[in-house]
Amino acid sequence: MRVEAVVKSDGTPDEINVTRSLDRYFGLDNEARTAAAKWRFEPGRKDGKPVAVRIWIDFEFKLTP
């Protein structure tokens, strides 16, 4: 599963979208978006100043007994 987002200059994610779905019906897509929204990132920098950057996050889910 892949999620695309924009990390704003303050390090918070925005515009979070699932670009490669694993499950639209049972909630994994929504859970991945929710998880990504809680993360905080070091923002990108240009000329030493924080700027927004587009990122991709790959999620891997494993079933365990």
Protein backbone atom coordinates (compact mmCIF):
# COMPACT_ATOMS: atom_id res chain seq x y z
CA MET A 1 0.00 0.00 0.00
CA ARG A 2 1.30 3.46 -0.82
CA VAL A 3 0.23 6.81 0.59
CA GLU A 4 1.17 10.16 -0.91
CA ALA A 5 1.25 13.32 1.23
CA VAL A 6 2.64 16.81 1.37
CA VAL A 7 4.83 17.56 4.37
CA LYS A 8 4.23 21.21 5.15
CA SER A 9 6.99 23.55 6.27
CA ASP A 10 6.04 22.91 9.92
CA GLY A 11 6.54 19.12 9.50
CA THR A 12 2.86 18.14 9.56
CA PRO A 13 1.42 15.99 6.76
CA ASP A 14 -1.36 17.31 4.54
CA GLU A 15 -3.18 16.23 1.37
CA ILE A 16 -2.91 12.55 2.35
CA ASN A 17 -4.10 10.18 -0.37
CA VAL A 18 -3.83 6.44 -0.94
CA THR A 19 -2.19 5.95 -4.34
CA ARG A 20 -1.89 2.14 -4.22
CA SER A 21 -4.77 0.56 -2.34
CA LEU A 22 -4.66 -2.68 -0.44
CA ASP A 23 -8.24 -2.63 0.82
CA ARG A 24 -10.99 -0.07 0.24
CA TYR A 25 -13.74 -2.08 1.92
CA PHE A 26 -12.46 -3.21 5.33
CA GLY A 27 -10.66 -0.10 6.51
CA LEU A 28 -6.94 -0.56 5.80
CA ASP A 29 -6.86 2.47 3.48
CA ASN A 30 -8.47 4.63 6.15
CA GLU A 31 -6.13 3.29 8.84
CA ALA A 32 -3.10 4.10 6.70
CA ARG A 33 -4.35 7.67 6.17
CA THR A 34 -5.03 8.04 9.89
CA ALA A 35 -1.57 6.74 10.81
CA ALA A 36 0.17 9.03 8.32
CA ALA A 37 -1.75 12.05 9.65
CA LYS A 38 -0.33 11.44 13.14
CA TRP A 39 3.31 11.41 12.03
CA ARG A 40 5.59 14.44 12.24
CA PHE A 41 8.46 14.95 9.83
CA GLU A 42 11.55 17.04 9.44
CA PRO A 43 10.48 19.43 6.67
CA GLY A 44 12.40 19.78 3.44
CA ARG A 45 14.73 22.76 3.15
CA LYS A 46 15.60 25.12 0.37
CA ASP A 47 18.25 27.77 0.93
CA GLY A 48 18.19 26.81 4.61
CA LYS A 49 14.48 27.54 5.06
CA PRO A 50 11.75 24.92 5.64
CA VAL A 51 9.57 24.22 2.62
CA ALA A 52 6.70 21.86 1.80
CA VAL A 53 7.65 18.65 -0.02
CA ARG A 54 5.67 15.75 -1.50
CA ILE A 55 6.46 12.33 -0.06
CA TRP A 56 5.37 8.72 -0.54
CA ILE A 57 5.00 6.27 2.32
CA ASP A 58 4.84 2.53 1.75
CA PHE A 59 2.83 0.59 4.34
CA GLU A 60 3.25 -3.14 4.83
CA PHE A 61 0.65 -5.12 6.75
CA LYS A 62 1.35 -8.58 8.10
CA LEU A 63 -1.16 -11.09 9.39
CA THR A 64 -0.02 -12.84 12.54
CA PRO A 65 -1.65 -15.81 14.19
